[in-house]
Amino acid sequence: GFLDSVNQLKLTVQNMEKIFNAVSPTQSQSNEKRAQIDKLRNLDEKIRVEKIEVENLKVKANQMLSSGQQNKSALQAQEVLAQFDAIDNNVKSLLQDRELQFRDHKAFRLAQENLAQYIQRCRDKISTMRQRSPNDKNFVDAVTQALDHLINKEAQGQILTEQLQQT
């Protein structure tokens, strides 16, 4: 009964540690980060399911230690329970870190896209100015307007650049 449960939990913990070690390396691509987070969430869910059994085993192990019976079995159980608690803490910590990294990655990509769009709009304005004929009587007015527009957008470009640097 008790030892079988402890041995079963030991195998479960070892399996969880293998999964954790396989999923631990930092990923660089957004889809890889998402898949990693999903695997960590699945592992976290497995741990939550096991927690009920683990709590029962902790109570039994503490009762056995306090009564003095089967100390060796109770100590072995406590070691396995400590391993379970450790993998639980590691999974929660890594999951939190990876979710934060994923949010940062998304924010960086968004800031990068916003800056690229801003730069493209500026290029389009300059390109429009180049297409006009210098002999056109409205050329100077059009160039002045386009340059004023770009100067007014300078603050927006600085904000976008700062957002990109902060992420």
C-alpha atoms as a PDB file:
ATOM      1  CA  GLY A   1       0.000   0.000   0.000  1.00  0.00           C
ATOM      2  CA  PHE A   2       2.098   2.882   1.308  1.00  0.00           C
ATOM      3  CA  LEU A   3       5.413   1.803  -0.225  1.00  0.00           C
ATOM      4  CA  ASP A   4       3.716   1.044  -3.537  1.00  0.00           C
ATOM      5  CA  SER A   5       2.247   4.548  -3.551  1.00  0.00           C
ATOM      6  CA  VAL A   6       5.650   6.051  -2.722  1.00  0.00           C
ATOM      7  CA  ASN A   7       7.358   4.021  -5.469  1.00  0.00           C
ATOM      8  CA  GLN A   8       4.659   5.003  -7.963  1.00  0.00           C
ATOM      9  CA  LEU A   9       5.113   8.660  -7.014  1.00  0.00           C
ATOM     10  CA  LYS A  10       8.883   8.272  -7.389  1.00  0.00           C
ATOM     11  CA  LEU A  11       8.413   7.015 -10.963  1.00  0.00           C
ATOM     12  CA  THR A  12       5.996   9.856 -11.669  1.00  0.00           C
ATOM     13  CA  VAL A  13       8.466  12.426 -10.320  1.00  0.00           C
ATOM     14  CA  GLN A  14      11.272  10.952 -12.414  1.00  0.00           C
ATOM     15  CA  ASN A  15       9.056  11.131 -15.495  1.00  0.00           C
ATOM     16  CA  MET A  16       8.141  14.742 -14.696  1.00  0.00           C
ATOM     17  CA  GLU A  17      11.823  15.609 -14.254  1.00  0.00           C
ATOM     18  CA  LYS A  18      12.598  14.138 -17.689  1.00  0.00           C
ATOM     19  CA  ILE A  19       9.823  16.187 -19.276  1.00  0.00           C
ATOM     20  CA  PHE A  20      10.962  19.286 -17.396  1.00  0.00           C
ATOM     21  CA  ASN A  21      14.588  18.840 -18.506  1.00  0.00           C
ATOM     22  CA  ALA A  22      13.489  18.301 -22.110  1.00  0.00           C
ATOM     23  CA  VAL A  23      11.351  21.441 -22.152  1.00  0.00           C
ATOM     24  CA  SER A  24      13.688  23.711 -20.149  1.00  0.00           C
ATOM     25  CA  PRO A  25      15.988  25.146 -22.854  1.00  0.00           C
ATOM     26  CA  THR A  26      15.176  28.695 -23.896  1.00  0.00           C
ATOM     27  CA  GLN A  27      13.425  28.958 -27.270  1.00  0.00           C
ATOM     28  CA  SER A  28      13.941  31.786 -29.740  1.00  0.00           C
ATOM     29  CA  GLN A  29      10.928  31.604 -32.055  1.00  0.00           C
ATOM     30  CA  SER A  30       7.477  32.760 -31.003  1.00  0.00           C
ATOM     31  CA  ASN A  31       5.771  29.492 -31.954  1.00  0.00           C
ATOM     32  CA  GLU A  32       8.449  27.488 -30.110  1.00  0.00           C
ATOM     33  CA  LYS A  33       7.939  29.664 -27.024  1.00  0.00           C
ATOM     34  CA  ARG A  34       4.177  29.077 -27.211  1.00  0.00           C
ATOM     35  CA  ALA A  35       4.659  25.292 -27.529  1.00  0.00           C
ATOM     36  CA  GLN A  36       7.069  25.327 -24.586  1.00  0.00           C
ATOM     37  CA  ILE A  37       4.565  27.226 -22.447  1.00  0.00           C
ATOM     38  CA  ASP A  38       1.842  24.738 -23.386  1.00  0.00           C
ATOM     39  CA  LYS A  39       4.061  21.799 -22.383  1.00  0.00           C
ATOM     40  CA  LEU A  40       4.914  23.480 -19.083  1.00  0.00           C
ATOM     41  CA  ARG A  41       1.229  24.148 -18.421  1.00  0.00           C
ATOM     42  CA  ASN A  42       0.433  20.498 -19.108  1.00  0.00           C
ATOM     43  CA  LEU A  43       3.171  19.456 -16.709  1.00  0.00           C
ATOM     44  CA  ASP A  44       1.874  21.909 -14.115  1.00  0.00           C
ATOM     45  CA  GLU A  45      -1.602  20.408 -14.506  1.00  0.00           C
ATOM     46  CA  LYS A  46      -0.217  16.889 -13.986  1.00  0.00           C
ATOM     47  CA  ILE A  47       1.463  18.107 -10.808  1.00  0.00           C
ATOM     48  CA  ARG A  48      -1.794  19.647  -9.573  1.00  0.00           C
ATOM     49  CA  VAL A  49      -3.585  16.354 -10.157  1.00  0.00           C
ATOM     50  CA  GLU A  50      -0.897  14.469  -8.201  1.00  0.00           C
ATOM     51  CA  LYS A  51      -0.953  16.946  -5.303  1.00  0.00           C
ATOM     52  CA  ILE A  52      -3.995  15.326  -3.686  1.00  0.00           C
ATOM     53  CA  GLU A  53      -2.222  11.977  -3.502  1.00  0.00           C
ATOM     54  CA  VAL A  54       0.984  13.677  -2.386  1.00  0.00           C
ATOM     55  CA  GLU A  55      -0.777  15.428   0.499  1.00  0.00           C
ATOM     56  CA  ASN A  56      -2.197  12.092   1.659  1.00  0.00           C
ATOM     57  CA  LEU A  57       1.267  10.527   1.490  1.00  0.00           C
ATOM     58  CA  LYS A  58       2.735  13.430   3.486  1.00  0.00           C
ATOM     59  CA  VAL A  59       0.178  12.920   6.234  1.00  0.00           C
ATOM     60  CA  LYS A  60       0.855   9.175   6.347  1.00  0.00           C
ATOM     61  CA  ALA A  61       4.638   9.687   6.354  1.00  0.00           C
ATOM     62  CA  ASN A  62       4.416  12.213   9.194  1.00  0.00           C
ATOM     63  CA  GLN A  63       2.175   9.856  11.191  1.00  0.00           C
ATOM     64  CA  MET A  64       4.624   7.018  10.665  1.00  0.00           C
ATOM     65  CA  LEU A  65       7.578   9.165  11.754  1.00  0.00           C
ATOM     66  CA  SER A  66       5.807  10.475  14.826  1.00  0.00           C
ATOM     67  CA  SER A  67       4.700   6.970  15.871  1.00  0.00           C
ATOM     68  CA  GLY A  68       8.173   5.562  15.224  1.00  0.00           C
ATOM     69  CA  GLN A  69       6.970   2.766  12.967  1.00  0.00           C
ATOM     70  CA  GLN A  70       8.637   2.032   9.651  1.00  0.00           C
ATOM     71  CA  ASN A  71      11.031   4.979   9.883  1.00  0.00           C
ATOM     72  CA  LYS A  72      12.972   3.825   6.830  1.00  0.00           C
ATOM     73  CA  SER A  73       9.831   3.808   4.669  1.00  0.00           C
ATOM     74  CA  ALA A  74       8.716   7.162   6.056  1.00  0.00           C
ATOM     75  CA  LEU A  75      12.135   8.724   5.379  1.00  0.00           C
ATOM     76  CA  GLN A  76      12.146   7.327   1.858  1.00  0.00           C
ATOM     77  CA  ALA A  77       8.673   8.763   1.342  1.00  0.00           C
ATOM     78  CA  GLN A  78       9.786  12.163   2.587  1.00  0.00           C
ATOM     79  CA  GLU A  79      12.678  12.181   0.111  1.00  0.00           C
ATOM     80  CA  VAL A  80      10.309  11.444  -2.769  1.00  0.00           C
ATOM     81  CA  LEU A  81       7.864  14.058  -1.484  1.00  0.00           C
ATOM     82  CA  ALA A  82      10.681  16.617  -1.312  1.00  0.00           C
ATOM     83  CA  GLN A  83      11.584  15.779  -4.928  1.00  0.00           C
ATOM     84  CA  PHE A  84       7.948  16.282  -5.879  1.00  0.00           C
ATOM     85  CA  ASP A  85       7.867  19.673  -4.152  1.00  0.00           C
ATOM     86  CA  ALA A  86      11.111  20.644  -5.896  1.00  0.00           C
ATOM     87  CA  ILE A  87       9.827  19.764  -9.370  1.00  0.00           C
ATOM     88  CA  ASP A  88       6.585  21.583  -8.559  1.00  0.00           C
ATOM     89  CA  ASN A  89       8.497  24.745  -7.643  1.00  0.00           C
ATOM     90  CA  ASN A  90      10.802  24.431 -10.663  1.00  0.00           C
ATOM     91  CA  VAL A  91       7.897  24.038 -13.083  1.00  0.00           C
ATOM     92  CA  LYS A  92       6.003  26.998 -11.621  1.00  0.00           C
ATOM     93  CA  SER A  93       9.101  29.185 -11.708  1.00  0.00           C
ATOM     94  CA  LEU A  94      10.069  28.225 -15.266  1.00  0.00           C
ATOM     95  CA  LEU A  95       6.484  28.608 -16.477  1.00  0.00           C
ATOM     96  CA  GLN A  96       6.308  32.097 -15.019  1.00  0.00           C
ATOM     97  CA  ASP A  97       9.681  33.023 -16.567  1.00  0.00           C
ATOM     98  CA  ARG A  98       8.738  31.674 -20.000  1.00  0.00           C
ATOM     99  CA  GLU A  99       5.359  33.420 -19.976  1.00  0.00           C
ATOM    100  CA  LEU A 100       7.100  36.687 -19.146  1.00  0.00           C
ATOM    101  CA  GLN A 101       9.654  36.113 -21.907  1.00  0.00           C
ATOM    102  CA  PHE A 102       6.846  35.351 -24.362  1.00  0.00           C
ATOM    103  CA  ARG A 103       5.031  38.589 -23.468  1.00  0.00           C
ATOM    104  CA  ASP A 104       8.307  40.514 -23.814  1.00  0.00           C
ATOM    105  CA  HIS A 105       8.960  38.849 -27.167  1.00  0.00           C
ATOM    106  CA  LYS A 106       5.507  39.835 -28.427  1.00  0.00           C
ATOM    107  CA  ALA A 107       5.936  43.411 -27.183  1.00  0.00           C
ATOM    108  CA  PHE A 108       9.335  43.632 -28.889  1.00  0.00           C
ATOM    109  CA  ARG A 109       7.954  42.326 -32.174  1.00  0.00           C
ATOM    110  CA  LEU A 110       5.064  44.800 -32.035  1.00  0.00           C
ATOM    111  CA  ALA A 111       7.390  47.720 -31.279  1.00  0.00           C
ATOM    112  CA  GLN A 112       9.688  46.599 -34.088  1.00  0.00           C
ATOM    113  CA  GLU A 113       6.772  46.401 -36.546  1.00  0.00           C
ATOM    114  CA  ASN A 114       5.494  49.839 -35.486  1.00  0.00           C
ATOM    115  CA  LEU A 115       8.921  51.374 -36.038  1.00  0.00           C
ATOM    116  CA  ALA A 116       9.272  49.669 -39.428  1.00  0.00           C
ATOM    117  CA  GLN A 117       5.856  50.991 -40.487  1.00  0.00           C
ATOM    118  CA  TYR A 118       6.803  54.497 -39.365  1.00  0.00           C
ATOM    119  CA  ILE A 119      10.062  54.360 -41.329  1.00  0.00           C
ATOM    120  CA  GLN A 120       8.174  53.114 -44.400  1.00  0.00           C
ATOM    121  CA  ARG A 121       5.674  56.002 -44.159  1.00  0.00           C
ATOM    122  CA  CYS A 122       8.601  58.436 -43.991  1.00  0.00           C
ATOM    123  CA  ARG A 123      10.188  56.834 -47.043  1.00  0.00           C
ATOM    124  CA  ASP A 124       6.900  57.033 -48.913  1.00  0.00           C
ATOM    125  CA  LYS A 125       6.667  60.768 -48.181  1.00  0.00           C
ATOM    126  CA  ILE A 126      10.206  61.358 -49.434  1.00  0.00           C
ATOM    127  CA  SER A 127       9.545  59.217 -52.500  1.00  0.00           C
ATOM    128  CA  THR A 128       6.465  61.301 -53.282  1.00  0.00           C
ATOM    129  CA  MET A 129       8.577  64.451 -53.083  1.00  0.00           C
ATOM    130  CA  ARG A 130      11.121  63.012 -55.527  1.00  0.00           C
ATOM    131  CA  GLN A 131       8.448  62.172 -58.078  1.00  0.00           C
ATOM    132  CA  ARG A 132       7.331  65.792 -58.418  1.00  0.00           C
ATOM    133  CA  SER A 133       8.930  67.923 -61.039  1.00  0.00           C
ATOM    134  CA  PRO A 134      11.111  70.770 -59.736  1.00  0.00           C
ATOM    135  CA  ASN A 135       9.629  72.959 -62.482  1.00  0.00           C
ATOM    136  CA  ASP A 136       6.188  72.502 -60.963  1.00  0.00           C
ATOM    137  CA  LYS A 137       5.125  75.810 -59.410  1.00  0.00           C
ATOM    138  CA  ASN A 138       3.640  73.975 -56.419  1.00  0.00           C
ATOM    139  CA  PHE A 139       6.786  71.866 -55.936  1.00  0.00           C
ATOM    140  CA  VAL A 140       8.287  74.054 -53.226  1.00  0.00           C
ATOM    141  CA  ASP A 141       4.985  74.158 -51.352  1.00  0.00           C
ATOM    142  CA  ALA A 142       4.567  70.386 -51.610  1.00  0.00           C
ATOM    143  CA  VAL A 143       8.127  69.702 -50.459  1.00  0.00           C
ATOM    144  CA  THR A 144       7.746  72.137 -47.579  1.00  0.00           C
ATOM    145  CA  GLN A 145       4.473  70.510 -46.539  1.00  0.00           C
ATOM    146  CA  ALA A 146       5.922  66.993 -46.715  1.00  0.00           C
ATOM    147  CA  LEU A 147       9.001  67.984 -44.716  1.00  0.00           C
ATOM    148  CA  ASP A 148       6.842  69.755 -42.112  1.00  0.00           C
ATOM    149  CA  HIS A 149       4.755  66.610 -41.861  1.00  0.00           C
ATOM    150  CA  LEU A 150       7.882  64.499 -41.298  1.00  0.00           C
ATOM    151  CA  ILE A 151       9.233  66.930 -38.708  1.00  0.00           C
ATOM    152  CA  ASN A 152       5.905  66.786 -36.865  1.00  0.00           C
ATOM    153  CA  LYS A 153       6.146  62.985 -36.876  1.00  0.00           C
ATOM    154  CA  GLU A 154       9.694  63.028 -35.454  1.00  0.00           C
ATOM    155  CA  ALA A 155       8.379  62.772 -31.892  1.00  0.00           C
ATOM    156  CA  GLN A 156       6.343  59.714 -32.893  1.00  0.00           C
ATOM    157  CA  GLY A 157       9.476  58.117 -34.327  1.00  0.00           C
ATOM    158  CA  GLN A 158      11.402  58.846 -31.144  1.00  0.00           C
ATOM    159  CA  ILE A 159       8.632  57.289 -29.038  1.00  0.00           C
ATOM    160  CA  LEU A 160       8.559  54.197 -31.240  1.00  0.00           C
ATOM    161  CA  THR A 161      12.343  53.896 -30.999  1.00  0.00           C
ATOM    162  CA  GLU A 162      12.203  54.209 -27.215  1.00  0.00           C
ATOM    163  CA  GLN A 163       9.496  51.542 -27.038  1.00  0.00           C
ATOM    164  CA  LEU A 164      11.660  49.223 -29.079  1.00  0.00           C
ATOM    165  CA  GLN A 165      14.675  49.879 -26.848  1.00  0.00           C
ATOM    166  CA  GLN A 166      12.645  49.299 -23.679  1.00  0.00           C
ATOM    167  CA  THR A 167      11.372  45.946 -24.880  1.00  0.00           C
END
